[in-house]
Amino acid sequence: MSSAHRTKETYRRAFAKTDFVRDKHYSELIYNGRREFTPEDLLIELAAIDPVTTSLLVVAHNPPVLELMLLLAKEIPHSLRKFHYRLGAAYVLALPDDRPVGLKRYEVVSSYLPS
């Protein structure tokens, strides 16, 4: 099963029937089945979705999601310090309201680590 299929299945099982997500976007650039992508590619895609989005949930799989967190987190959470992004884990970064996400460091304000 491709990463795109796994990610869509993760979204469907975890969020599709909740009020948590109002809209969804799948990236054909990232999940094209022809090439690997970098955390920077993912960041460019996130910024392009909607520059005025005030909150954004990213459902993705490793290694890019871990690499993106290591790139963006001001302080690496203890749970990520051994370069391991636990299955089902979620981290919340505080982004400024007046700028799209970019290649900067952001404070990790919350996390969820399944037991």
PDB file of N, CA and C in Angstrom:
ATOM      1  N   MET A   1       0.848  -1.178   0.000  1.00  0.00           N
ATOM      2  CA  MET A   1       0.000   0.000   0.000  1.00  0.00           C
ATOM      3  C   MET A   1       0.893   1.241   0.000  1.00  0.00           C
ATOM      4  N   SER A   2       0.578   2.218  -0.805  1.00  0.00           N
ATOM      5  CA  SER A   2       1.392   3.429  -0.898  1.00  0.00           C
ATOM      6  C   SER A   2       1.170   4.328   0.311  1.00  0.00           C
ATOM      7  N   SER A   3       2.094   5.282   0.485  1.00  0.00           N
ATOM      8  CA  SER A   3       1.964   6.251   1.577  1.00  0.00           C
ATOM      9  C   SER A   3       0.687   7.059   1.458  1.00  0.00           C
ATOM     10  N   ALA A   4       0.310   7.397   0.221  1.00  0.00           N
ATOM     11  CA  ALA A   4      -0.924   8.175   0.026  1.00  0.00           C
ATOM     12  C   ALA A   4      -2.131   7.385   0.503  1.00  0.00           C
ATOM     13  N   HIS A   5      -2.180   6.117   0.183  1.00  0.00           N
ATOM     14  CA  HIS A   5      -3.301   5.294   0.633  1.00  0.00           C
ATOM     15  C   HIS A   5      -3.303   5.149   2.151  1.00  0.00           C
ATOM     16  N   ARG A   6      -2.125   4.939   2.743  1.00  0.00           N
ATOM     17  CA  ARG A   6      -2.042   4.809   4.205  1.00  0.00           C
ATOM     18  C   ARG A   6      -2.467   6.107   4.889  1.00  0.00           C
ATOM     19  N   THR A   7      -2.035   7.230   4.349  1.00  0.00           N
ATOM     20  CA  THR A   7      -2.377   8.515   4.953  1.00  0.00           C
ATOM     21  C   THR A   7      -3.867   8.796   4.827  1.00  0.00           C
ATOM     22  N   LYS A   8      -4.437   8.528   3.673  1.00  0.00           N
ATOM     23  CA  LYS A   8      -5.883   8.733   3.492  1.00  0.00           C
ATOM     24  C   LYS A   8      -6.681   7.816   4.408  1.00  0.00           C
ATOM     25  N   GLU A   9      -6.214   6.599   4.597  1.00  0.00           N
ATOM     26  CA  GLU A   9      -6.880   5.673   5.508  1.00  0.00           C
ATOM     27  C   GLU A   9      -6.762   6.148   6.953  1.00  0.00           C
ATOM     28  N   THR A  10      -5.604   6.661   7.322  1.00  0.00           N
ATOM     29  CA  THR A  10      -5.421   7.221   8.668  1.00  0.00           C
ATOM     30  C   THR A  10      -6.390   8.371   8.888  1.00  0.00           C
ATOM     31  N   TYR A  11      -6.474   9.275   7.924  1.00  0.00           N
ATOM     32  CA  TYR A  11      -7.407  10.398   8.031  1.00  0.00           C
ATOM     33  C   TYR A  11      -8.846   9.888   8.163  1.00  0.00           C
ATOM     34  N   ARG A  12      -9.228   8.966   7.290  1.00  0.00           N
ATOM     35  CA  ARG A  12     -10.604   8.454   7.288  1.00  0.00           C
ATOM     36  C   ARG A  12     -10.961   7.840   8.641  1.00  0.00           C
ATOM     37  N   ARG A  13     -10.076   7.034   9.173  1.00  0.00           N
ATOM     38  CA  ARG A  13     -10.366   6.354  10.444  1.00  0.00           C
ATOM     39  C   ARG A  13     -10.338   7.299  11.638  1.00  0.00           C
ATOM     40  N   ALA A  14      -9.464   8.273  11.611  1.00  0.00           N
ATOM     41  CA  ALA A  14      -9.287   9.129  12.787  1.00  0.00           C
ATOM     42  C   ALA A  14     -10.116  10.408  12.772  1.00  0.00           C
ATOM     43  N   PHE A  15     -10.344  11.003  11.600  1.00  0.00           N
ATOM     44  CA  PHE A  15     -10.910  12.350  11.580  1.00  0.00           C
ATOM     45  C   PHE A  15     -12.111  12.572  10.674  1.00  0.00           C
ATOM     46  N   ALA A  16     -12.357  11.721   9.701  1.00  0.00           N
ATOM     47  CA  ALA A  16     -13.356  11.994   8.670  1.00  0.00           C
ATOM     48  C   ALA A  16     -14.759  12.243   9.213  1.00  0.00           C
ATOM     49  N   LYS A  17     -15.140  11.581  10.265  1.00  0.00           N
ATOM     50  CA  LYS A  17     -16.500  11.728  10.793  1.00  0.00           C
ATOM     51  C   LYS A  17     -16.550  12.595  12.039  1.00  0.00           C
ATOM     52  N   THR A  18     -15.579  13.477  12.180  1.00  0.00           N
ATOM     53  CA  THR A  18     -15.553  14.381  13.335  1.00  0.00           C
ATOM     54  C   THR A  18     -15.789  15.813  12.885  1.00  0.00           C
ATOM     55  N   ASP A  19     -16.083  16.670  13.839  1.00  0.00           N
ATOM     56  CA  ASP A  19     -16.202  18.108  13.569  1.00  0.00           C
ATOM     57  C   ASP A  19     -14.839  18.784  13.629  1.00  0.00           C
ATOM     58  N   PHE A  20     -13.801  17.992  13.890  1.00  0.00           N
ATOM     59  CA  PHE A  20     -12.453  18.525  14.063  1.00  0.00           C
ATOM     60  C   PHE A  20     -11.893  19.104  12.771  1.00  0.00           C
ATOM     61  N   VAL A  21     -12.293  18.555  11.635  1.00  0.00           N
ATOM     62  CA  VAL A  21     -11.763  18.980  10.339  1.00  0.00           C
ATOM     63  C   VAL A  21     -12.905  19.494   9.473  1.00  0.00           C
ATOM     64  N   ARG A  22     -12.754  20.726   8.978  1.00  0.00           N
ATOM     65  CA  ARG A  22     -13.777  21.311   8.107  1.00  0.00           C
ATOM     66  C   ARG A  22     -13.510  21.063   6.638  1.00  0.00           C
ATOM     67  N   ASP A  23     -12.247  20.958   6.264  1.00  0.00           N
ATOM     68  CA  ASP A  23     -11.893  20.796   4.865  1.00  0.00           C
ATOM     69  C   ASP A  23     -10.649  19.925   4.802  1.00  0.00           C
ATOM     70  N   LYS A  24     -10.435  19.276   3.680  1.00  0.00           N
ATOM     71  CA  LYS A  24      -9.229  18.467   3.530  1.00  0.00           C
ATOM     72  C   LYS A  24      -8.606  18.726   2.164  1.00  0.00           C
ATOM     73  N   HIS A  25      -7.325  18.477   2.105  1.00  0.00           N
ATOM     74  CA  HIS A  25      -6.558  18.692   0.887  1.00  0.00           C
ATOM     75  C   HIS A  25      -5.531  17.575   0.777  1.00  0.00           C
ATOM     76  N   TYR A  26      -5.475  16.918  -0.375  1.00  0.00           N
ATOM     77  CA  TYR A  26      -4.459  15.909  -0.624  1.00  0.00           C
ATOM     78  C   TYR A  26      -3.438  16.482  -1.591  1.00  0.00           C
ATOM     79  N   SER A  27      -2.185  16.280  -1.288  1.00  0.00           N
ATOM     80  CA  SER A  27      -1.115  16.822  -2.120  1.00  0.00           C
ATOM     81  C   SER A  27      -0.688  15.827  -3.186  1.00  0.00           C
ATOM     82  N   GLU A  28      -0.924  16.179  -4.428  1.00  0.00           N
ATOM     83  CA  GLU A  28      -0.465  15.343  -5.533  1.00  0.00           C
ATOM     84  C   GLU A  28       1.043  15.479  -5.733  1.00  0.00           C
ATOM     85  N   LEU A  29       1.598  16.621  -5.330  1.00  0.00           N
ATOM     86  CA  LEU A  29       3.045  16.811  -5.434  1.00  0.00           C
ATOM     87  C   LEU A  29       3.773  15.829  -4.524  1.00  0.00           C
ATOM     88  N   ILE A  30       3.287  15.717  -3.301  1.00  0.00           N
ATOM     89  CA  ILE A  30       3.966  14.861  -2.340  1.00  0.00           C
ATOM     90  C   ILE A  30       3.659  13.390  -2.587  1.00  0.00           C
ATOM     91  N   TYR A  31       2.400  13.071  -2.783  1.00  0.00           N
ATOM     92  CA  TYR A  31       2.003  11.674  -2.958  1.00  0.00           C
ATOM     93  C   TYR A  31       1.789  11.348  -4.424  1.00  0.00           C
ATOM     94  N   ASN A  32       2.847  11.438  -5.200  1.00  0.00           N
ATOM     95  CA  ASN A  32       2.714  11.176  -6.625  1.00  0.00           C
ATOM     96  C   ASN A  32       3.193   9.787  -7.021  1.00  0.00           C
ATOM     97  N   GLY A  33       3.759   9.031  -6.081  1.00  0.00           N
ATOM     98  CA  GLY A  33       4.209   7.682  -6.356  1.00  0.00           C
ATOM     99  C   GLY A  33       5.465   7.582  -7.201  1.00  0.00           C
ATOM    100  N   ARG A  34       6.089   8.711  -7.491  1.00  0.00           N
ATOM    101  CA  ARG A  34       7.265   8.698  -8.360  1.00  0.00           C
ATOM    102  C   ARG A  34       8.537   9.182  -7.689  1.00  0.00           C
ATOM    103  N   ARG A  35       8.438   9.870  -6.588  1.00  0.00           N
ATOM    104  CA  ARG A  35       9.663  10.394  -5.985  1.00  0.00           C
ATOM    105  C   ARG A  35       9.490  10.563  -4.482  1.00  0.00           C
ATOM    106  N   GLU A  36      10.625  10.615  -3.808  1.00  0.00           N
ATOM    107  CA  GLU A  36      10.643  10.929  -2.387  1.00  0.00           C
ATOM    108  C   GLU A  36      10.434  12.434  -2.227  1.00  0.00           C
ATOM    109  N   PHE A  37      10.021  12.848  -1.045  1.00  0.00           N
ATOM    110  CA  PHE A  37       9.904  14.281  -0.807  1.00  0.00           C
ATOM    111  C   PHE A  37      10.569  14.623   0.508  1.00  0.00           C
ATOM    112  N   THR A  38      10.959  15.874   0.628  1.00  0.00           N
ATOM    113  CA  THR A  38      11.695  16.350   1.800  1.00  0.00           C
ATOM    114  C   THR A  38      10.750  17.101   2.731  1.00  0.00           C
ATOM    115  N   PRO A  39      11.187  17.365   3.962  1.00  0.00           N
ATOM    116  CA  PRO A  39      10.379  18.209   4.848  1.00  0.00           C
ATOM    117  C   PRO A  39      10.137  19.593   4.241  1.00  0.00           C
ATOM    118  N   GLU A  40      11.101  20.092   3.496  1.00  0.00           N
ATOM    119  CA  GLU A  40      10.938  21.396   2.853  1.00  0.00           C
ATOM    120  C   GLU A  40       9.824  21.346   1.806  1.00  0.00           C
ATOM    121  N   ASP A  41       9.732  20.234   1.053  1.00  0.00           N
ATOM    122  CA  ASP A  41       8.639  20.066   0.087  1.00  0.00           C
ATOM    123  C   ASP A  41       7.290  20.102   0.805  1.00  0.00           C
ATOM    124  N   LEU A  42       7.219  19.407   1.932  1.00  0.00           N
ATOM    125  CA  LEU A  42       5.986  19.377   2.720  1.00  0.00           C
ATOM    126  C   LEU A  42       5.638  20.773   3.219  1.00  0.00           C
ATOM    127  N   LEU A  43       6.626  21.506   3.677  1.00  0.00           N
ATOM    128  CA  LEU A  43       6.403  22.864   4.165  1.00  0.00           C
ATOM    129  C   LEU A  43       5.891  23.782   3.057  1.00  0.00           C
ATOM    130  N   ILE A  44       6.441  23.670   1.868  1.00  0.00           N
ATOM    131  CA  ILE A  44       5.983  24.468   0.725  1.00  0.00           C
ATOM    132  C   ILE A  44       4.521  24.152   0.419  1.00  0.00           C
ATOM    133  N   GLU A  45       4.169  22.868   0.450  1.00  0.00           N
ATOM    134  CA  GLU A  45       2.786  22.461   0.208  1.00  0.00           C
ATOM    135  C   GLU A  45       1.852  23.019   1.279  1.00  0.00           C
ATOM    136  N   LEU A  46       2.267  22.973   2.537  1.00  0.00           N
ATOM    137  CA  LEU A  46       1.431  23.491   3.623  1.00  0.00           C
ATOM    138  C   LEU A  46       1.183  24.986   3.450  1.00  0.00           C
ATOM    139  N   ALA A  47       2.217  25.733   3.113  1.00  0.00           N
ATOM    140  CA  ALA A  47       2.075  27.175   2.928  1.00  0.00           C
ATOM    141  C   ALA A  47       1.193  27.493   1.724  1.00  0.00           C
ATOM    142  N   ALA A  48       1.188  26.626   0.723  1.00  0.00           N
ATOM    143  CA  ALA A  48       0.416  26.882  -0.495  1.00  0.00           C
ATOM    144  C   ALA A  48      -1.071  26.547  -0.335  1.00  0.00           C
ATOM    145  N   ILE A  49      -1.427  25.746   0.637  1.00  0.00           N
ATOM    146  CA  ILE A  49      -2.829  25.338   0.795  1.00  0.00           C
ATOM    147  C   ILE A  49      -3.722  26.558   0.955  1.00  0.00           C
ATOM    148  N   ASP A  50      -3.383  27.400   1.885  1.00  0.00           N
ATOM    149  CA  ASP A  50      -4.169  28.613   2.112  1.00  0.00           C
ATOM    150  C   ASP A  50      -3.377  29.506   3.052  1.00  0.00           C
ATOM    151  N   PRO A  51      -2.849  30.612   2.564  1.00  0.00           N
ATOM    152  CA  PRO A  51      -2.002  31.449   3.411  1.00  0.00           C
ATOM    153  C   PRO A  51      -2.727  32.102   4.583  1.00  0.00           C
ATOM    154  N   VAL A  52      -4.045  32.060   4.614  1.00  0.00           N
ATOM    155  CA  VAL A  52      -4.756  32.669   5.742  1.00  0.00           C
ATOM    156  C   VAL A  52      -5.350  31.623   6.690  1.00  0.00           C
ATOM    157  N   THR A  53      -5.008  30.372   6.497  1.00  0.00           N
ATOM    158  CA  THR A  53      -5.484  29.325   7.392  1.00  0.00           C
ATOM    159  C   THR A  53      -4.931  29.579   8.791  1.00  0.00           C
ATOM    160  N   THR A  54      -5.814  29.544   9.773  1.00  0.00           N
ATOM    161  CA  THR A  54      -5.360  29.789  11.144  1.00  0.00           C
ATOM    162  C   THR A  54      -5.054  28.508  11.895  1.00  0.00           C
ATOM    163  N   SER A  55      -5.493  27.383  11.389  1.00  0.00           N
ATOM    164  CA  SER A  55      -5.107  26.107  11.985  1.00  0.00           C
ATOM    165  C   SER A  55      -5.072  25.058  10.886  1.00  0.00           C
ATOM    166  N   LEU A  56      -4.176  24.114  11.048  1.00  0.00           N
ATOM    167  CA  LEU A  56      -3.963  23.127  10.015  1.00  0.00           C
ATOM    168  C   LEU A  56      -3.540  21.816  10.660  1.00  0.00           C
ATOM    169  N   LEU A  57      -4.228  20.755  10.311  1.00  0.00           N
ATOM    170  CA  LEU A  57      -3.898  19.412  10.776  1.00  0.00           C
ATOM    171  C   LEU A  57      -3.189  18.700   9.643  1.00  0.00           C
ATOM    172  N   VAL A  58      -2.019  18.154   9.925  1.00  0.00           N
ATOM    173  CA  VAL A  58      -1.270  17.420   8.918  1.00  0.00           C
ATOM    174  C   VAL A  58      -1.285  15.947   9.310  1.00  0.00           C
ATOM    175  N   VAL A  59      -1.847  15.119   8.444  1.00  0.00           N
ATOM    176  CA  VAL A  59      -1.824  13.672   8.643  1.00  0.00           C
ATOM    177  C   VAL A  59      -0.785  13.145   7.678  1.00  0.00           C
ATOM    178  N   ALA A  60       0.260  12.551   8.210  1.00  0.00           N
ATOM    179  CA  ALA A  60       1.363  12.089   7.369  1.00  0.00           C
ATOM    180  C   ALA A  60       2.048  10.911   8.047  1.00  0.00           C
ATOM    181  N   HIS A  61       2.995  10.353   7.353  1.00  0.00           N
ATOM    182  CA  HIS A  61       3.740   9.213   7.863  1.00  0.00           C
ATOM    183  C   HIS A  61       5.229   9.515   7.834  1.00  0.00           C
ATOM    184  N   ASN A  62       5.990   8.721   8.553  1.00  0.00           N
ATOM    185  CA  ASN A  62       7.437   8.901   8.635  1.00  0.00           C
ATOM    186  C   ASN A  62       8.127   8.401   7.378  1.00  0.00           C
ATOM    187  N   PRO A  63       9.316   8.910   7.102  1.00  0.00           N
ATOM    188  CA  PRO A  63      10.105   9.803   7.931  1.00  0.00           C
ATOM    189  C   PRO A  63       9.813  11.298   7.764  1.00  0.00           C
ATOM    190  N   PRO A  64       9.107  11.770   6.722  1.00  0.00           N
ATOM    191  CA  PRO A  64       8.967  13.224   6.545  1.00  0.00           C
ATOM    192  C   PRO A  64       8.289  13.959   7.696  1.00  0.00           C
ATOM    193  N   VAL A  65       7.306  13.351   8.363  1.00  0.00           N
ATOM    194  CA  VAL A  65       6.628  14.074   9.429  1.00  0.00           C
ATOM    195  C   VAL A  65       7.570  14.289  10.625  1.00  0.00           C
ATOM    196  N   LEU A  66       8.391  13.305  10.939  1.00  0.00           N
ATOM    197  CA  LEU A  66       9.393  13.467  11.998  1.00  0.00           C
ATOM    198  C   LEU A  66      10.409  14.524  11.584  1.00  0.00           C
ATOM    199  N   GLU A  67      10.897  14.443  10.363  1.00  0.00           N
ATOM    200  CA  GLU A  67      11.878  15.411   9.882  1.00  0.00           C
ATOM    201  C   GLU A  67      11.315  16.828   9.902  1.00  0.00           C
ATOM    202  N   LEU A  68      10.037  16.989   9.574  1.00  0.00           N
ATOM    203  CA  LEU A  68       9.407  18.304   9.611  1.00  0.00           C
ATOM    204  C   LEU A  68       9.348  18.837  11.042  1.00  0.00           C
ATOM    205  N   MET A  69       8.982  17.986  11.991  1.00  0.00           N
ATOM    206  CA  MET A  69       8.951  18.421  13.392  1.00  0.00           C
ATOM    207  C   MET A  69      10.346  18.820  13.872  1.00  0.00           C
ATOM    208  N   LEU A  70      11.357  18.052  13.520  1.00  0.00           N
ATOM    209  CA  LEU A  70      12.728  18.383  13.922  1.00  0.00           C
ATOM    210  C   LEU A  70      13.185  19.697  13.300  1.00  0.00           C
ATOM    211  N   LEU A  71      12.667  20.003  12.127  1.00  0.00           N
ATOM    212  CA  LEU A  71      13.008  21.236  11.428  1.00  0.00           C
ATOM    213  C   LEU A  71      12.298  22.454  12.017  1.00  0.00           C
ATOM    214  N   LEU A  72      11.040  22.277  12.474  1.00  0.00           N
ATOM    215  CA  LEU A  72      10.213  23.418  12.880  1.00  0.00           C
ATOM    216  C   LEU A  72      10.130  23.664  14.378  1.00  0.00           C
ATOM    217  N   ALA A  73      10.306  22.649  15.198  1.00  0.00           N
ATOM    218  CA  ALA A  73      10.125  22.818  16.645  1.00  0.00           C
ATOM    219  C   ALA A  73      11.258  23.650  17.239  1.00  0.00           C
ATOM    220  N   LYS A  74      10.874  24.688  17.991  1.00  0.00           N
ATOM    221  CA  LYS A  74      11.860  25.531  18.669  1.00  0.00           C
ATOM    222  C   LYS A  74      12.675  24.686  19.635  1.00  0.00           C
ATOM    223  N   GLU A  75      11.986  23.871  20.395  1.00  0.00           N
ATOM    224  CA  GLU A  75      12.630  22.936  21.310  1.00  0.00           C
ATOM    225  C   GLU A  75      12.064  21.555  21.001  1.00  0.00           C
ATOM    226  N   ILE A  76      12.932  20.607  20.759  1.00  0.00           N
ATOM    227  CA  ILE A  76      12.494  19.260  20.395  1.00  0.00           C
ATOM    228  C   ILE A  76      11.839  18.604  21.614  1.00  0.00           C
ATOM    229  N   PRO A  77      10.583  18.178  21.491  1.00  0.00           N
ATOM    230  CA  PRO A  77       9.931  17.509  22.617  1.00  0.00           C
ATOM    231  C   PRO A  77      10.702  16.265  23.044  1.00  0.00           C
ATOM    232  N   HIS A  78      10.654  15.982  24.332  1.00  0.00           N
ATOM    233  CA  HIS A  78      11.365  14.831  24.881  1.00  0.00           C
ATOM    234  C   HIS A  78      11.018  13.556  24.118  1.00  0.00           C
ATOM    235  N   SER A  79       9.760  13.402  23.759  1.00  0.00           N
ATOM    236  CA  SER A  79       9.311  12.190  23.071  1.00  0.00           C
ATOM    237  C   SER A  79       9.912  12.037  21.676  1.00  0.00           C
ATOM    238  N   LEU A  80      10.470  13.105  21.126  1.00  0.00           N
ATOM    239  CA  LEU A  80      11.080  13.042  19.790  1.00  0.00           C
ATOM    240  C   LEU A  80      12.607  13.027  19.832  1.00  0.00           C
ATOM    241  N   ARG A  81      13.174  13.176  21.006  1.00  0.00           N
ATOM    242  CA  ARG A  81      14.632  13.336  21.091  1.00  0.00           C
ATOM    243  C   ARG A  81      15.429  12.131  20.632  1.00  0.00           C
ATOM    244  N   LYS A  82      14.830  10.983  20.644  1.00  0.00           N
ATOM    245  CA  LYS A  82      15.520   9.797  20.131  1.00  0.00           C
ATOM    246  C   LYS A  82      15.139   9.553  18.675  1.00  0.00           C
ATOM    247  N   PHE A  83      14.649  10.600  18.000  1.00  0.00           N
ATOM    248  CA  PHE A  83      14.271  10.553  16.589  1.00  0.00           C
ATOM    249  C   PHE A  83      13.247   9.447  16.316  1.00  0.00           C
ATOM    250  N   HIS A  84      12.220   9.476  17.124  1.00  0.00           N
ATOM    251  CA  HIS A  84      11.150   8.494  16.980  1.00  0.00           C
ATOM    252  C   HIS A  84       9.811   9.211  17.097  1.00  0.00           C
ATOM    253  N   TYR A  85       8.990   9.132  16.073  1.00  0.00           N
ATOM    254  CA  TYR A  85       7.644   9.713  16.086  1.00  0.00           C
ATOM    255  C   TYR A  85       6.681   8.558  16.281  1.00  0.00           C
ATOM    256  N   ARG A  86       6.119   8.478  17.476  1.00  0.00           N
ATOM    257  CA  ARG A  86       5.257   7.348  17.818  1.00  0.00           C
ATOM    258  C   ARG A  86       4.011   7.284  16.946  1.00  0.00           C
ATOM    259  N   LEU A  87       3.576   6.075  16.655  1.00  0.00           N
ATOM    260  CA  LEU A  87       2.371   5.851  15.883  1.00  0.00           C
ATOM    261  C   LEU A  87       1.180   6.521  16.571  1.00  0.00           C
ATOM    262  N   GLY A  88       0.465   7.350  15.847  1.00  0.00           N
ATOM    263  CA  GLY A  88      -0.704   8.028  16.390  1.00  0.00           C
ATOM    264  C   GLY A  88      -0.398   9.288  17.186  1.00  0.00           C
ATOM    265  N   ALA A  89       0.866   9.655  17.290  1.00  0.00           N
ATOM    266  CA  ALA A  89       1.241  10.852  18.043  1.00  0.00           C
ATOM    267  C   ALA A  89       0.823  12.115  17.286  1.00  0.00           C
ATOM    268  N   ALA A  90       0.589  13.167  18.038  1.00  0.00           N
ATOM    269  CA  ALA A  90       0.240  14.460  17.437  1.00  0.00           C
ATOM    270  C   ALA A  90       0.940  15.569  18.217  1.00  0.00           C
ATOM    271  N   TYR A  91       1.419  16.555  17.502  1.00  0.00           N
ATOM    272  CA  TYR A  91       2.075  17.715  18.110  1.00  0.00           C
ATOM    273  C   TYR A  91       1.432  18.977  17.549  1.00  0.00           C
ATOM    274  N   VAL A  92       1.311  19.992  18.406  1.00  0.00           N
ATOM    275  CA  VAL A  92       0.709  21.263  18.012  1.00  0.00           C
ATOM    276  C   VAL A  92       1.778  22.343  18.102  1.00  0.00           C
ATOM    277  N   LEU A  93       1.973  23.046  16.999  1.00  0.00           N
ATOM    278  CA  LEU A  93       2.909  24.165  16.949  1.00  0.00           C
ATOM    279  C   LEU A  93       2.125  25.472  16.949  1.00  0.00           C
ATOM    280  N   ALA A  94       2.624  26.469  17.671  1.00  0.00           N
ATOM    281  CA  ALA A  94       1.990  27.793  17.692  1.00  0.00           C
ATOM    282  C   ALA A  94       2.528  28.598  16.506  1.00  0.00           C
ATOM    283  N   LEU A  95       1.628  28.905  15.573  1.00  0.00           N
ATOM    284  CA  LEU A  95       2.000  29.684  14.394  1.00  0.00           C
ATOM    285  C   LEU A  95       1.413  31.081  14.506  1.00  0.00           C
ATOM    286  N   PRO A  96       2.102  32.089  13.988  1.00  0.00           N
ATOM    287  CA  PRO A  96       1.542  33.438  14.014  1.00  0.00           C
ATOM    288  C   PRO A  96       0.308  33.541  13.135  1.00  0.00           C
ATOM    289  N   ASP A  97      -0.665  34.341  13.570  1.00  0.00           N
ATOM    290  CA  ASP A  97      -1.912  34.495  12.813  1.00  0.00           C
ATOM    291  C   ASP A  97      -1.740  35.287  11.522  1.00  0.00           C
ATOM    292  N   ASP A  98      -0.705  36.099  11.441  1.00  0.00           N
ATOM    293  CA  ASP A  98      -0.582  37.020  10.308  1.00  0.00           C
ATOM    294  C   ASP A  98       0.376  36.559   9.213  1.00  0.00           C
ATOM    295  N   ARG A  99       0.915  35.319   9.331  1.00  0.00           N
ATOM    296  CA  ARG A  99       1.852  34.829   8.323  1.00  0.00           C
ATOM    297  C   ARG A  99       1.620  33.345   8.072  1.00  0.00           C
ATOM    298  N   PRO A 100       1.822  32.889   6.838  1.00  0.00           N
ATOM    299  CA  PRO A 100       1.725  31.453   6.575  1.00  0.00           C
ATOM    300  C   PRO A 100       2.904  30.717   7.212  1.00  0.00           C
ATOM    301  N   VAL A 101       2.746  29.439   7.368  1.00  0.00           N
ATOM    302  CA  VAL A 101       3.824  28.626   7.918  1.00  0.00           C
ATOM    303  C   VAL A 101       5.043  28.761   7.020  1.00  0.00           C
ATOM    304  N   GLY A 102       6.214  28.812   7.632  1.00  0.00           N
ATOM    305  CA  GLY A 102       7.447  28.972   6.871  1.00  0.00           C
ATOM    306  C   GLY A 102       8.587  28.256   7.547  1.00  0.00           C
ATOM    307  N   LEU A 103       9.750  28.391   6.994  1.00  0.00           N
ATOM    308  CA  LEU A 103      10.942  27.744   7.517  1.00  0.00           C
ATOM    309  C   LEU A 103      11.465  28.549   8.701  1.00  0.00           C
ATOM    310  N   LYS A 104      10.768  28.397   9.821  1.00  0.00           N
ATOM    311  CA  LYS A 104      11.098  29.084  11.073  1.00  0.00           C
ATOM    312  C   LYS A 104      10.948  28.072  12.189  1.00  0.00           C
ATOM    313  N   ARG A 105      11.312  28.462  13.380  1.00  0.00           N
ATOM    314  CA  ARG A 105      11.136  27.607  14.559  1.00  0.00           C
ATOM    315  C   ARG A 105       9.887  28.075  15.302  1.00  0.00           C
ATOM    316  N   TYR A 106       9.046  27.105  15.702  1.00  0.00           N
ATOM    317  CA  TYR A 106       7.796  27.394  16.385  1.00  0.00           C
ATOM    318  C   TYR A 106       7.744  26.643  17.711  1.00  0.00           C
ATOM    319  N   GLU A 107       7.057  27.246  18.665  1.00  0.00           N
ATOM    320  CA  GLU A 107       6.886  26.618  19.970  1.00  0.00           C
ATOM    321  C   GLU A 107       5.914  25.453  19.872  1.00  0.00           C
ATOM    322  N   VAL A 108       6.284  24.330  20.486  1.00  0.00           N
ATOM    323  CA  VAL A 108       5.366  23.189  20.601  1.00  0.00           C
ATOM    324  C   VAL A 108       4.485  23.477  21.810  1.00  0.00           C
ATOM    325  N   VAL A 109       3.179  23.642  21.586  1.00  0.00           N
ATOM    326  CA  VAL A 109       2.284  24.046  22.670  1.00  0.00           C
ATOM    327  C   VAL A 109       1.445  22.895  23.224  1.00  0.00           C
ATOM    328  N   SER A 110       1.394  21.797  22.501  1.00  0.00           N
ATOM    329  CA  SER A 110       0.621  20.656  22.988  1.00  0.00           C
ATOM    330  C   SER A 110       1.060  19.401  22.239  1.00  0.00           C
ATOM    331  N   SER A 111       0.759  18.266  22.850  1.00  0.00           N
ATOM    332  CA  SER A 111       1.051  17.009  22.177  1.00  0.00           C
ATOM    333  C   SER A 111       0.099  15.942  22.671  1.00  0.00           C
ATOM    334  N   TYR A 112      -0.041  14.924  21.876  1.00  0.00           N
ATOM    335  CA  TYR A 112      -0.817  13.741  22.243  1.00  0.00           C
ATOM    336  C   TYR A 112       0.032  12.527  21.924  1.00  0.00           C
ATOM    337  N   LEU A 113       0.244  11.690  22.915  1.00  0.00           N
ATOM    338  CA  LEU A 113       1.017  10.466  22.741  1.00  0.00           C
ATOM    339  C   LEU A 113       0.158   9.296  23.194  1.00  0.00           C
ATOM    340  N   PRO A 114      -0.291   8.482  22.273  1.00  0.00           N
ATOM    341  CA  PRO A 114      -1.133   7.346  22.674  1.00  0.00           C
ATOM    342  C   PRO A 114      -0.353   6.367  23.551  1.00  0.00           C
ATOM    343  N   SER A 115      -1.056   5.718  24.431  1.00  0.00           N
ATOM    344  CA  SER A 115      -0.377   4.765  25.311  1.00  0.00           C
ATOM    345  C   SER A 115      -0.293   3.398  24.701  1.00  0.00           C
TER     346      SER A 115
END
